[in-house]
Each structure stands twice: as structure tokens, then as C-alpha cells.
C-alpha atoms as a PDB file:
ATOM      1  CA  MET A   1     145.843  63.911 109.768  1.00  0.00           C
ATOM      2  CA  LYS A   2     142.493  64.105 111.590  1.00  0.00           C
ATOM      3  CA  LYS A   3     143.557  67.652 112.809  1.00  0.00           C
ATOM      4  CA  LEU A   4     144.557  68.772 109.383  1.00  0.00           C
ATOM      5  CA  VAL A   5     141.073  67.631 107.933  1.00  0.00           C
ATOM      6  CA  PHE A   6     139.334  69.327 110.762  1.00  0.00           C
ATOM      7  CA  ILE A   7     141.369  72.614 110.222  1.00  0.00           C
ATOM      8  CA  LEU A   8     140.719  72.523 106.487  1.00  0.00           C
ATOM      9  CA  THR A   9     137.005  71.723 107.006  1.00  0.00           C
ATOM     10  CA  ALA A  10     136.747  74.684 109.452  1.00  0.00           C
ATOM     11  CA  VAL A  11     138.571  77.134 107.270  1.00  0.00           C
ATOM     12  CA  ILE A  12     136.503  76.065 104.131  1.00  0.00           C
ATOM     13  CA  THR A  13     133.232  76.350 106.077  1.00  0.00           C
ATOM     14  CA  LEU A  14     134.206  79.865 107.515  1.00  0.00           C
ATOM     15  CA  THR A  15     135.234  81.109 104.138  1.00  0.00           C
ATOM     16  CA  ALA A  16     132.058  79.734 102.519  1.00  0.00           C
ATOM     17  CA  SER A  17     129.830  81.371 105.282  1.00  0.00           C
ATOM     18  CA  GLN A  18     131.738  84.716 104.835  1.00  0.00           C
ATOM     19  CA  PHE A  19     131.242  84.446 101.079  1.00  0.00           C
ATOM     20  CA  ALA A  20     127.532  83.691 101.559  1.00  0.00           C
ATOM     21  CA  SER A  21     126.891  86.634 103.758  1.00  0.00           C
ATOM     22  CA  ALA A  22     128.671  88.982 101.431  1.00  0.00           C
ATOM     23  CA  GLN A  23     126.360  87.741  98.624  1.00  0.00           C
ATOM     24  CA  LYS A  24     123.332  89.108 100.451  1.00  0.00           C
ATOM     25  CA  THR A  25     121.713  92.171  98.579  1.00  0.00           C
ATOM     26  CA  ILE A  26     120.818  95.264 100.607  1.00  0.00           C
ATOM     27  CA  VAL A  27     117.131  94.126 100.719  1.00  0.00           C
ATOM     28  CA  ASP A  28     118.362  90.476 102.184  1.00  0.00           C
ATOM     29  CA  VAL A  29     120.439  92.586 104.827  1.00  0.00           C
ATOM     30  CA  ALA A  30     117.311  94.565 105.720  1.00  0.00           C
ATOM     31  CA  VAL A  31     115.070  91.679 105.847  1.00  0.00           C
ATOM     32  CA  GLY A  32     117.512  90.176 108.221  1.00  0.00           C
ATOM     33  CA  ASN A  33     117.473  92.976 110.595  1.00  0.00           C
ATOM     34  CA  GLU A  34     114.378  93.458 112.794  1.00  0.00           C
ATOM     35  CA  ASP A  35     115.169  97.082 113.098  1.00  0.00           C
ATOM     36  CA  PHE A  36     114.309  97.502 109.365  1.00  0.00           C
ATOM     37  CA  SER A  37     110.922  95.605 109.548  1.00  0.00           C
ATOM     38  CA  THR A  38     108.920  98.873 108.778  1.00  0.00           C
ATOM     39  CA  LEU A  39     111.167  99.767 105.957  1.00  0.00           C
ATOM     40  CA  VAL A  40     110.823  96.147 104.480  1.00  0.00           C
ATOM     41  CA  THR A  41     107.117  96.412 104.753  1.00  0.00           C
ATOM     42  CA  ALA A  42     107.056  99.708 102.940  1.00  0.00           C
ATOM     43  CA  LEU A  43     109.403  98.311 100.100  1.00  0.00           C
ATOM     44  CA  LYS A  44     107.031  95.409  99.632  1.00  0.00           C
ATOM     45  CA  ALA A  45     103.993  97.816  99.662  1.00  0.00           C
ATOM     46  CA  ALA A  46     105.708 100.044  97.024  1.00  0.00           C
ATOM     47  CA  ASP A  47     106.752  97.144  94.966  1.00  0.00           C
ATOM     48  CA  LEU A  48     110.509  98.081  95.202  1.00  0.00           C
ATOM     49  CA  VAL A  49     112.016  94.837  96.595  1.00  0.00           C
ATOM     50  CA  SER A  50     113.079  93.294  93.235  1.00  0.00           C
ATOM     51  CA  ALA A  51     114.463  96.721  92.048  1.00  0.00           C
ATOM     52  CA  LEU A  52     116.672  97.070  95.176  1.00  0.00           C
ATOM     53  CA  GLN A  53     117.870  93.377  94.668  1.00  0.00           C
ATOM     54  CA  GLY A  54     119.164  94.322  91.303  1.00  0.00           C
ATOM     55  CA  ASN A  55     122.753  94.692  90.399  1.00  0.00           C
ATOM     56  CA  GLY A  56     123.101  98.315  91.681  1.00  0.00           C
ATOM     57  CA  PRO A  57     125.204  99.429  93.090  1.00  0.00           C
ATOM     58  CA  PHE A  58     123.003 101.485  95.472  1.00  0.00           C
ATOM     59  CA  THR A  59     123.499 103.689  98.527  1.00  0.00           C
ATOM     60  CA  VAL A  60     120.497 103.566 100.691  1.00  0.00           C
ATOM     61  CA  PHE A  61     120.021 105.895 103.636  1.00  0.00           C
ATOM     62  CA  ALA A  62     117.711 103.578 105.574  1.00  0.00           C
ATOM     63  CA  PRO A  63     115.289 104.843 108.135  1.00  0.00           C
ATOM     64  CA  ASN A  64     115.146 102.236 110.955  1.00  0.00           C
ATOM     65  CA  ASN A  65     111.913 101.462 112.876  1.00  0.00           C
ATOM     66  CA  ALA A  66     112.387 104.393 115.335  1.00  0.00           C
ATOM     67  CA  ALA A  67     112.668 106.817 112.418  1.00  0.00           C
ATOM     68  CA  PHE A  68     109.341 105.518 111.022  1.00  0.00           C
ATOM     69  CA  GLY A  69     107.895 105.832 114.554  1.00  0.00           C
ATOM     70  CA  LYS A  70     108.225 109.585 114.061  1.00  0.00           C
ATOM     71  CA  VAL A  71     105.907 109.530 111.150  1.00  0.00           C
ATOM     72  CA  ASP A  72     102.122 110.078 112.083  1.00  0.00           C
ATOM     73  CA  SER A  73     100.760 106.589 112.288  1.00  0.00           C
ATOM     74  CA  GLU A  74      97.679 107.535 110.212  1.00  0.00           C
ATOM     75  CA  THR A  75      99.977 109.034 107.363  1.00  0.00           C
ATOM     76  CA  LEU A  76     102.138 105.965 107.388  1.00  0.00           C
ATOM     77  CA  GLY A  77      99.136 103.632 107.364  1.00  0.00           C
ATOM     78  CA  MET A  78      97.632 105.814 104.353  1.00  0.00           C
ATOM     79  CA  LEU A  79     100.975 105.414 102.503  1.00  0.00           C
ATOM     80  CA  LEU A  80     101.086 101.700 102.921  1.00  0.00           C
ATOM     81  CA  LYS A  81      97.776 101.363 101.036  1.00  0.00           C
ATOM     82  CA  PRO A  82      97.826 100.023  97.615  1.00  0.00           C
ATOM     83  CA  GLU A  83      96.292 103.115  95.970  1.00  0.00           C
ATOM     84  CA  ASN A  84      99.261 105.107  97.469  1.00  0.00           C
ATOM     85  CA  LYS A  85     102.074 102.921  95.999  1.00  0.00           C
ATOM     86  CA  ASP A  86     103.432 105.557  93.690  1.00  0.00           C
ATOM     87  CA  ALA A  87     103.585 108.155  96.436  1.00  0.00           C
ATOM     88  CA  LEU A  88     105.219 105.704  98.823  1.00  0.00           C
ATOM     89  CA  ALA A  89     107.725 104.553  96.063  1.00  0.00           C
ATOM     90  CA  GLY A  90     108.696 108.329  95.549  1.00  0.00           C
ATOM     91  CA  ILE A  91     109.381 108.656  99.221  1.00  0.00           C
ATOM     92  CA  LEU A  92     111.290 105.406  99.360  1.00  0.00           C
ATOM     93  CA  THR A  93     113.472 106.131  96.241  1.00  0.00           C
ATOM     94  CA  TYR A  94     114.246 109.529  97.787  1.00  0.00           C
ATOM     95  CA  HIS A  95     116.409 107.518 100.194  1.00  0.00           C
ATOM     96  CA  VAL A  96     118.340 105.799  97.515  1.00  0.00           C
ATOM     97  CA  VAL A  97     121.322 107.043  95.458  1.00  0.00           C
ATOM     98  CA  SER A  98     122.754 105.336  92.507  1.00  0.00           C
ATOM     99  CA  GLY A  99     126.340 104.017  93.140  1.00  0.00           C
ATOM    100  CA  LYS A 100     127.946 102.714  96.300  1.00  0.00           C
ATOM    101  CA  LEU A 101     129.082 105.525  98.619  1.00  0.00           C
ATOM    102  CA  ALA A 102     130.747 104.138 101.857  1.00  0.00           C
ATOM    103  CA  ALA A 103     131.266 106.342 104.777  1.00  0.00           C
ATOM    104  CA  ALA A 104     134.837 107.278 103.565  1.00  0.00           C
ATOM    105  CA  ASP A 105     133.558 108.317 100.203  1.00  0.00           C
ATOM    106  CA  VAL A 106     130.930 110.526 101.786  1.00  0.00           C
ATOM    107  CA  VAL A 107     133.543 112.102 104.173  1.00  0.00           C
ATOM    108  CA  ALA A 108     135.827 112.667 101.164  1.00  0.00           C
ATOM    109  CA  ALA A 109     132.973 114.351  99.191  1.00  0.00           C
ATOM    110  CA  LEU A 110     132.171 116.506 102.392  1.00  0.00           C
ATOM    111  CA  LYS A 111     135.844 117.544 102.517  1.00  0.00           C
ATOM    112  CA  LYS A 112     135.954 118.494  98.887  1.00  0.00           C
ATOM    113  CA  GLY A 113     132.476 120.291  99.094  1.00  0.00           C
ATOM    114  CA  ASN A 114     133.528 122.381 102.162  1.00  0.00           C
ATOM    115  CA  GLY A 115     131.165 120.314 104.480  1.00  0.00           C
ATOM    116  CA  SER A 116     128.285 119.757 102.150  1.00  0.00           C
ATOM    117  CA  VAL A 117     127.468 117.709  99.150  1.00  0.00           C
ATOM    118  CA  THR A 118     124.317 117.503  97.073  1.00  0.00           C
ATOM    119  CA  LEU A 119     123.288 113.966  95.783  1.00  0.00           C
ATOM    120  CA  GLU A 120     120.668 113.041  93.245  1.00  0.00           C
ATOM    121  CA  THR A 121     118.158 110.320  94.501  1.00  0.00           C
ATOM    122  CA  LEU A 122     116.481 107.647  92.409  1.00  0.00           C
ATOM    123  CA  ASN A 123     113.401 109.632  92.369  1.00  0.00           C
ATOM    124  CA  GLY A 124     115.264 112.448  90.567  1.00  0.00           C
ATOM    125  CA  GLN A 125     115.353 114.966  93.419  1.00  0.00           C
ATOM    126  CA  SER A 126     118.299 116.143  95.341  1.00  0.00           C
ATOM    127  CA  ILE A 127     119.109 115.599  99.012  1.00  0.00           C
ATOM    128  CA  THR A 128     122.118 117.333 100.798  1.00  0.00           C
ATOM    129  CA  VAL A 129     124.532 115.609 102.846  1.00  0.00           C
ATOM    130  CA  MET A 130     126.395 118.013 105.446  1.00  0.00           C
ATOM    131  CA  GLN A 131     128.659 117.787 108.334  1.00  0.00           C
ATOM    132  CA  LYS A 132     127.370 119.702 111.341  1.00  0.00           C
ATOM    133  CA  ASP A 133     128.163 119.487 115.170  1.00  0.00           C
ATOM    134  CA  GLY A 134     130.614 116.815 114.424  1.00  0.00           C
ATOM    135  CA  LYS A 135     127.954 114.520 112.894  1.00  0.00           C
ATOM    136  CA  ILE A 136     126.916 113.685 109.372  1.00  0.00           C
ATOM    137  CA  TRP A 137     123.281 114.745 108.470  1.00  0.00           C
ATOM    138  CA  LEU A 138     120.896 114.569 105.453  1.00  0.00           C
ATOM    139  CA  GLN A 139     118.798 117.602 104.809  1.00  0.00           C
ATOM    140  CA  ASP A 140     115.792 116.922 102.544  1.00  0.00           C
ATOM    141  CA  GLN A 141     113.905 119.098 100.116  1.00  0.00           C
ATOM    142  CA  LYS A 142     111.697 120.447 102.909  1.00  0.00           C
ATOM    143  CA  GLY A 143     114.571 121.501 105.013  1.00  0.00           C
ATOM    144  CA  SER A 144     114.253 118.909 107.751  1.00  0.00           C
ATOM    145  CA  TYR A 145     117.308 116.957 108.997  1.00  0.00           C
ATOM    146  CA  SER A 146     118.079 113.324 109.612  1.00  0.00           C
ATOM    147  CA  GLU A 147     121.325 112.115 111.358  1.00  0.00           C
ATOM    148  CA  ILE A 148     123.228 109.245 109.842  1.00  0.00           C
ATOM    149  CA  ILE A 149     123.488 107.081 113.045  1.00  0.00           C
ATOM    150  CA  ALA A 150     125.365 103.938 111.498  1.00  0.00           C
ATOM    151  CA  THR A 151     127.354 103.474 108.369  1.00  0.00           C
ATOM    152  CA  ASP A 152     128.717 100.983 106.027  1.00  0.00           C
ATOM    153  CA  VAL A 153     126.209  98.020 106.323  1.00  0.00           C
ATOM    154  CA  MET A 154     127.456  96.173 103.264  1.00  0.00           C
ATOM    155  CA  GLY A 155     125.463  94.173 100.756  1.00  0.00           C
ATOM    156  CA  SER A 156     126.475  92.493  97.475  1.00  0.00           C
ATOM    157  CA  ASN A 157     124.765  95.388  95.554  1.00  0.00           C
ATOM    158  CA  GLY A 158     125.496  98.458  97.688  1.00  0.00           C
ATOM    159  CA  VAL A 159     125.751  99.905 101.137  1.00  0.00           C
ATOM    160  CA  ILE A 160     123.193 101.021 103.696  1.00  0.00           C
ATOM    161  CA  HIS A 161     123.545 103.923 106.146  1.00  0.00           C
ATOM    162  CA  VAL A 162     121.030 103.926 108.847  1.00  0.00           C
ATOM    163  CA  ILE A 163     119.260 107.304 109.563  1.00  0.00           C
ATOM    164  CA  ASP A 164     117.196 108.352 112.498  1.00  0.00           C
ATOM    165  CA  THR A 165     114.359 110.272 110.683  1.00  0.00           C
ATOM    166  CA  VAL A 166     112.484 109.698 107.442  1.00  0.00           C
ATOM    167  CA  VAL A 167     113.529 112.271 104.793  1.00  0.00           C
ATOM    168  CA  MET A 168     110.797 113.669 102.463  1.00  0.00           C
ATOM    169  CA  PRO A 169     111.024 114.816  98.875  1.00  0.00           C
ATOM    170  CA  GLU A 170     108.992 117.815  97.610  1.00  0.00           C
END
């Protein structure tokens, strides 16, 4: 009987912890990952945390800390100032698409679009997803590229795909 109680307790605890982790929003997932600390700082500075904790669903092409490291530190510092909140919000919402596009959805759209698909971001501008050299890339409005280096980091209100370069709107 003790073994049965122990097994049931273990199963219930494991199930509950999996359910709790599945309930984390994409913002909670980012906050819990050290490699997104600059992104989280930027989301707070742009006052976008509550918006991205909403129901969604969202697809976030999330620059990691190394991606932000490619941005000139003076420029990044300037963008994080309160008076530049709108400009920063415009850049960050350029990394977000309405709807949940898992990696399989992106690959299917690329096949349908002959290796390229254009998505509308939350800031109203478009970004192109393309397959090139056996990898998946984003091409921003300025013609710069960012590689998608990790996919399908799931949250309760969407999905995160990690990118290696900050993409920029017009």
C-alpha cells in the first residue's frame, strides 16, 4: 500500500509540475532563461511585458544576449532610455508575429512558398522567412539576415524561436 501511495504521489507531482511549466507565458519563459536577460530588460523598458503575457497566441523571434551584443552598445543604451520607449517598442514588436507558428508550420509555409514566406509583424511591417544554405533565416526590411538557431520553445500563449541577430524594421 505504501508503494502505491508513493507511486501515485510521484505521478501526481510530476503531472502537476509539467502542467505548471506548460502554463508559463512566453515572457515567463524568457525571464527564466539567462540568455534572454537583455531581451527581458528591453521588454520592460518598452513596457511590453504585460502585452506579451496576454492570451496571444504569439510567435516571437527572440534575439539572445549574443544577438544584442552585436548591436552597438551606445545605440542599445540610447534605446533603453525612457524617452526612446516608442522606438524600442517598434523594434521589439517587429520580432513578434500574431499566431503560433511552430517550426513545422514555418517549414510547411516555406515549402508552399518555394523557400520564402512573408509574415506581418505586430508593428505592422513585414519580415521574410527563408530557407538558405540548409538553414532558416529572417530577412528584415533593411535586407539584413538573422539565423533561427533554436526553435519551438513553447509557452502557454505562444512559441519562441531564438535568433542570432536583432532584426530591424524600416
